[in-house]
Amino acid sequence: MAEKLSKDNFREQVTEASGVVVVDFFSDSCIPCKKMSPVIAQLEEENTDVKFGKLNVNFDTETAEKFGVSSVPTLVFFKNGKEEARLTGAQKITAITEIINQIK
């Protein structure tokens, strides 16, 4: 299950982490965000070497703003703490997998 992220653990879990980390910036009230949940779960199963995290923008606007997230869902891909790519809106698993494979 994706790590719950907040301003309290974001640095440790994402920007100071080694390897690939995919952060799902979402909102509980967002229908496309809810559609992404099973996609993220499947990606986690298929990519055991990638860390996944979820940040609810309703509870942590500070971190969302810091990373320029203005709409949800937004997936931000980090490698060794540095942002490498991002996707906004509901995405197909193939598009997300392609980016993961590119930055691994």
N, C-alpha and C. Protein backbone atom coordinates (compact mmCIF):
# COMPACT_ATOMS: atom_id res chain seq x y z
N MET A 1 0.84 -1.19 0.00
CA MET A 1 0.00 0.00 0.00
C MET A 1 0.89 1.25 0.00
N ALA A 2 0.46 2.23 -0.77
CA ALA A 2 1.24 3.46 -0.89
C ALA A 2 1.37 4.15 0.47
N GLU A 3 2.55 4.69 0.70
CA GLU A 3 2.85 5.43 1.93
C GLU A 3 2.03 6.71 1.99
N LYS A 4 1.39 6.96 3.14
CA LYS A 4 0.69 8.23 3.32
C LYS A 4 1.74 9.30 3.58
N LEU A 5 1.69 10.34 2.77
CA LEU A 5 2.69 11.40 2.87
C LEU A 5 2.06 12.68 3.40
N SER A 6 2.90 13.47 4.07
CA SER A 6 2.51 14.79 4.56
C SER A 6 3.78 15.62 4.66
N LYS A 7 3.62 16.88 5.05
CA LYS A 7 4.80 17.73 5.19
C LYS A 7 5.75 17.18 6.26
N ASP A 8 5.21 16.37 7.18
CA ASP A 8 6.03 15.82 8.25
C ASP A 8 6.99 14.72 7.79
N ASN A 9 6.62 13.98 6.74
CA ASN A 9 7.49 12.88 6.32
C ASN A 9 7.89 12.96 4.84
N PHE A 10 7.47 13.99 4.13
CA PHE A 10 7.73 14.08 2.69
C PHE A 10 9.22 14.09 2.38
N ARG A 11 9.95 14.91 3.09
CA ARG A 11 11.39 15.00 2.82
C ARG A 11 12.08 13.65 3.01
N GLU A 12 11.81 13.02 4.13
CA GLU A 12 12.44 11.73 4.43
C GLU A 12 12.02 10.65 3.43
N GLN A 13 10.74 10.60 3.11
CA GLN A 13 10.22 9.52 2.26
C GLN A 13 10.40 9.75 0.76
N VAL A 14 10.58 11.02 0.36
CA VAL A 14 10.63 11.32 -1.07
C VAL A 14 11.93 12.02 -1.47
N THR A 15 12.15 13.23 -0.97
CA THR A 15 13.28 14.02 -1.48
C THR A 15 14.63 13.58 -0.94
N GLU A 16 14.65 12.80 0.12
CA GLU A 16 15.91 12.24 0.61
C GLU A 16 16.03 10.75 0.31
N ALA A 17 15.03 10.19 -0.38
CA ALA A 17 15.02 8.75 -0.66
C ALA A 17 15.88 8.44 -1.88
N SER A 18 16.45 7.26 -1.88
CA SER A 18 17.18 6.82 -3.06
C SER A 18 16.25 5.95 -3.90
N GLY A 19 16.53 5.91 -5.18
CA GLY A 19 15.69 5.14 -6.09
C GLY A 19 14.51 5.95 -6.60
N VAL A 20 13.56 5.24 -7.18
CA VAL A 20 12.40 5.87 -7.81
C VAL A 20 11.23 5.92 -6.82
N VAL A 21 10.63 7.11 -6.70
CA VAL A 21 9.46 7.31 -5.86
C VAL A 21 8.39 8.01 -6.72
N VAL A 22 7.19 7.46 -6.71
CA VAL A 22 6.07 8.06 -7.43
C VAL A 22 5.09 8.59 -6.39
N VAL A 23 4.81 9.89 -6.46
CA VAL A 23 3.90 10.52 -5.51
C VAL A 23 2.59 10.88 -6.22
N ASP A 24 1.50 10.39 -5.65
CA ASP A 24 0.16 10.67 -6.15
C ASP A 24 -0.43 11.80 -5.30
N PHE A 25 -0.51 13.00 -5.87
CA PHE A 25 -1.16 14.12 -5.21
C PHE A 25 -2.64 14.01 -5.56
N PHE A 26 -3.49 13.87 -4.54
CA PHE A 26 -4.90 13.58 -4.78
C PHE A 26 -5.79 14.33 -3.80
N SER A 27 -7.11 14.20 -4.04
CA SER A 27 -8.13 14.73 -3.14
C SER A 27 -9.20 13.67 -2.97
N ASP A 28 -9.73 13.54 -1.77
CA ASP A 28 -10.79 12.56 -1.51
C ASP A 28 -12.04 12.82 -2.34
N SER A 29 -12.29 14.08 -2.68
CA SER A 29 -13.51 14.43 -3.39
C SER A 29 -13.36 14.39 -4.92
N CYS A 30 -12.22 13.97 -5.39
CA CYS A 30 -11.90 13.98 -6.82
C CYS A 30 -12.22 12.62 -7.44
N ILE A 31 -13.18 12.59 -8.38
CA ILE A 31 -13.57 11.34 -9.04
C ILE A 31 -12.40 10.73 -9.83
N PRO A 32 -11.69 11.50 -10.67
CA PRO A 32 -10.54 10.91 -11.38
C PRO A 32 -9.48 10.36 -10.41
N CYS A 33 -9.33 10.98 -9.25
CA CYS A 33 -8.36 10.48 -8.25
C CYS A 33 -8.78 9.10 -7.76
N LYS A 34 -10.07 8.93 -7.53
CA LYS A 34 -10.58 7.63 -7.08
C LYS A 34 -10.37 6.57 -8.14
N LYS A 35 -10.50 6.94 -9.40
CA LYS A 35 -10.26 6.00 -10.50
C LYS A 35 -8.79 5.58 -10.58
N MET A 36 -7.91 6.42 -10.08
CA MET A 36 -6.47 6.12 -10.13
C MET A 36 -6.03 5.14 -9.03
N SER A 37 -6.80 5.02 -7.97
CA SER A 37 -6.40 4.15 -6.85
C SER A 37 -6.10 2.71 -7.26
N PRO A 38 -6.98 2.04 -8.03
CA PRO A 38 -6.64 0.67 -8.43
C PRO A 38 -5.45 0.61 -9.40
N VAL A 39 -5.26 1.66 -10.18
CA VAL A 39 -4.11 1.73 -11.09
C VAL A 39 -2.82 1.79 -10.28
N ILE A 40 -2.80 2.64 -9.26
CA ILE A 40 -1.62 2.76 -8.40
C ILE A 40 -1.36 1.44 -7.68
N ALA A 41 -2.42 0.80 -7.20
CA ALA A 41 -2.27 -0.49 -6.51
C ALA A 41 -1.66 -1.54 -7.44
N GLN A 42 -2.10 -1.57 -8.69
CA GLN A 42 -1.55 -2.53 -9.64
C GLN A 42 -0.09 -2.21 -9.94
N LEU A 43 0.22 -0.94 -10.10
CA LEU A 43 1.61 -0.54 -10.36
C LEU A 43 2.53 -0.94 -9.21
N GLU A 44 2.03 -0.81 -7.98
CA GLU A 44 2.82 -1.21 -6.81
C GLU A 44 3.15 -2.70 -6.87
N GLU A 45 2.17 -3.51 -7.26
CA GLU A 45 2.40 -4.96 -7.35
C GLU A 45 3.42 -5.29 -8.43
N GLU A 46 3.36 -4.57 -9.53
CA GLU A 46 4.23 -4.86 -10.68
C GLU A 46 5.62 -4.25 -10.56
N ASN A 47 5.79 -3.26 -9.70
CA ASN A 47 7.07 -2.54 -9.57
C ASN A 47 7.52 -2.54 -8.12
N THR A 48 7.95 -3.67 -7.64
CA THR A 48 8.32 -3.78 -6.23
C THR A 48 9.57 -2.99 -5.89
N ASP A 49 10.33 -2.57 -6.90
CA ASP A 49 11.53 -1.77 -6.67
C ASP A 49 11.25 -0.27 -6.69
N VAL A 50 9.98 0.11 -6.84
CA VAL A 50 9.57 1.51 -6.86
C VAL A 50 8.71 1.78 -5.63
N LYS A 51 8.96 2.92 -5.02
CA LYS A 51 8.18 3.31 -3.83
C LYS A 51 7.04 4.22 -4.29
N PHE A 52 5.86 4.01 -3.74
CA PHE A 52 4.69 4.82 -4.07
C PHE A 52 4.20 5.53 -2.82
N GLY A 53 3.81 6.79 -3.00
CA GLY A 53 3.27 7.57 -1.89
C GLY A 53 2.06 8.36 -2.34
N LYS A 54 1.20 8.68 -1.39
CA LYS A 54 0.00 9.47 -1.67
C LYS A 54 -0.05 10.67 -0.73
N LEU A 55 -0.32 11.84 -1.31
CA LEU A 55 -0.44 13.05 -0.50
C LEU A 55 -1.79 13.69 -0.79
N ASN A 56 -2.62 13.81 0.24
CA ASN A 56 -3.93 14.42 0.12
C ASN A 56 -3.76 15.94 0.16
N VAL A 57 -4.03 16.60 -0.96
CA VAL A 57 -3.80 18.04 -1.05
C VAL A 57 -4.74 18.84 -0.15
N ASN A 58 -5.87 18.24 0.25
CA ASN A 58 -6.79 18.94 1.15
C ASN A 58 -6.20 19.11 2.54
N PHE A 59 -5.31 18.22 2.93
CA PHE A 59 -4.72 18.26 4.26
C PHE A 59 -3.30 18.81 4.26
N ASP A 60 -2.70 18.98 3.08
CA ASP A 60 -1.33 19.48 3.01
C ASP A 60 -1.16 20.37 1.78
N THR A 61 -1.82 21.51 1.81
CA THR A 61 -1.70 22.43 0.69
C THR A 61 -0.29 23.00 0.57
N GLU A 62 0.40 23.09 1.69
CA GLU A 62 1.76 23.64 1.69
C GLU A 62 2.70 22.82 0.80
N THR A 63 2.70 21.51 0.96
CA THR A 63 3.58 20.66 0.15
C THR A 63 3.12 20.65 -1.31
N ALA A 64 1.81 20.60 -1.53
CA ALA A 64 1.30 20.63 -2.90
C ALA A 64 1.75 21.91 -3.62
N GLU A 65 1.63 23.04 -2.95
CA GLU A 65 2.06 24.31 -3.54
C GLU A 65 3.56 24.34 -3.77
N LYS A 66 4.31 23.80 -2.83
CA LYS A 66 5.78 23.78 -2.96
C LYS A 66 6.21 23.05 -4.24
N PHE A 67 5.45 22.01 -4.61
CA PHE A 67 5.79 21.24 -5.80
C PHE A 67 4.96 21.64 -7.02
N GLY A 68 4.27 22.78 -6.92
CA GLY A 68 3.55 23.32 -8.07
C GLY A 68 2.36 22.50 -8.52
N VAL A 69 1.75 21.78 -7.60
CA VAL A 69 0.58 20.98 -7.94
C VAL A 69 -0.65 21.86 -7.81
N SER A 70 -1.31 22.11 -8.95
CA SER A 70 -2.48 22.97 -8.94
C SER A 70 -3.76 22.24 -9.32
N SER A 71 -3.63 20.99 -9.78
CA SER A 71 -4.82 20.19 -10.07
C SER A 71 -4.51 18.73 -9.72
N VAL A 72 -5.59 18.01 -9.46
CA VAL A 72 -5.44 16.61 -9.08
C VAL A 72 -6.28 15.73 -9.99
N PRO A 73 -5.88 14.49 -10.21
CA PRO A 73 -4.66 13.89 -9.68
C PRO A 73 -3.42 14.34 -10.45
N THR A 74 -2.33 14.46 -9.73
CA THR A 74 -1.03 14.71 -10.34
C THR A 74 -0.06 13.67 -9.80
N LEU A 75 0.61 12.99 -10.70
CA LEU A 75 1.65 12.04 -10.32
C LEU A 75 3.00 12.70 -10.58
N VAL A 76 3.85 12.72 -9.55
CA VAL A 76 5.18 13.29 -9.69
C VAL A 76 6.18 12.16 -9.47
N PHE A 77 7.09 12.01 -10.41
CA PHE A 77 8.08 10.93 -10.41
C PHE A 77 9.42 11.48 -9.97
N PHE A 78 9.96 10.91 -8.91
CA PHE A 78 11.25 11.33 -8.37
C PHE A 78 12.27 10.21 -8.53
N LYS A 79 13.51 10.57 -8.76
CA LYS A 79 14.61 9.61 -8.73
C LYS A 79 15.71 10.22 -7.89
N ASN A 80 16.08 9.50 -6.83
CA ASN A 80 17.09 9.98 -5.89
C ASN A 80 16.78 11.39 -5.40
N GLY A 81 15.49 11.64 -5.12
CA GLY A 81 15.06 12.90 -4.54
C GLY A 81 14.82 14.04 -5.51
N LYS A 82 15.08 13.83 -6.79
CA LYS A 82 14.93 14.88 -7.79
C LYS A 82 13.75 14.56 -8.70
N GLU A 83 12.90 15.58 -8.93
CA GLU A 83 11.76 15.36 -9.83
C GLU A 83 12.26 15.10 -11.24
N GLU A 84 11.74 14.01 -11.82
CA GLU A 84 12.13 13.62 -13.18
C GLU A 84 11.01 13.80 -14.19
N ALA A 85 9.75 13.67 -13.73
CA ALA A 85 8.61 13.77 -14.65
C ALA A 85 7.34 13.98 -13.84
N ARG A 86 6.26 14.35 -14.55
CA ARG A 86 4.95 14.44 -13.90
C ARG A 86 3.86 14.24 -14.93
N LEU A 87 2.74 13.73 -14.45
CA LEU A 87 1.54 13.54 -15.25
C LEU A 87 0.37 14.13 -14.48
N THR A 88 -0.51 14.83 -15.17
CA THR A 88 -1.68 15.41 -14.51
C THR A 88 -2.93 14.82 -15.15
N GLY A 89 -3.91 14.52 -14.30
CA GLY A 89 -5.15 13.92 -14.76
C GLY A 89 -5.09 12.41 -14.65
N ALA A 90 -6.25 11.78 -14.82
CA ALA A 90 -6.31 10.32 -14.78
C ALA A 90 -5.49 9.77 -15.94
N GLN A 91 -4.69 8.75 -15.64
CA GLN A 91 -3.77 8.19 -16.63
C GLN A 91 -3.97 6.70 -16.80
N LYS A 92 -3.61 6.22 -17.98
CA LYS A 92 -3.62 4.78 -18.22
C LYS A 92 -2.34 4.20 -17.63
N ILE A 93 -2.43 2.95 -17.23
CA ILE A 93 -1.28 2.29 -16.60
C ILE A 93 -0.07 2.27 -17.53
N THR A 94 -0.31 2.18 -18.85
CA THR A 94 0.81 2.12 -19.79
C THR A 94 1.63 3.41 -19.79
N ALA A 95 0.96 4.56 -19.68
CA ALA A 95 1.67 5.84 -19.66
C ALA A 95 2.54 5.96 -18.41
N ILE A 96 2.01 5.51 -17.29
CA ILE A 96 2.76 5.60 -16.03
C ILE A 96 3.93 4.62 -16.05
N THR A 97 3.68 3.42 -16.54
CA THR A 97 4.74 2.40 -16.61
C THR A 97 5.87 2.86 -17.52
N GLU A 98 5.53 3.51 -18.62
CA GLU A 98 6.54 4.01 -19.54
C GLU A 98 7.49 4.99 -18.84
N ILE A 99 6.94 5.91 -18.08
CA ILE A 99 7.78 6.88 -17.36
C ILE A 99 8.62 6.18 -16.31
N ILE A 100 8.02 5.27 -15.55
CA ILE A 100 8.78 4.53 -14.53
C ILE A 100 9.96 3.83 -15.19
N ASN A 101 9.73 3.16 -16.31
CA ASN A 101 10.81 2.43 -16.98
C ASN A 101 11.88 3.37 -17.53
N GLN A 102 11.50 4.55 -17.95
CA GLN A 102 12.47 5.53 -18.46
C GLN A 102 13.41 6.04 -17.38
N ILE A 103 12.89 6.20 -16.16
CA ILE A 103 13.74 6.82 -15.12
C ILE A 103 14.41 5.81 -14.19
N LYS A 104 14.06 4.55 -14.32
CA LYS A 104 14.69 3.53 -13.45
C LYS A 104 16.19 3.51 -13.67
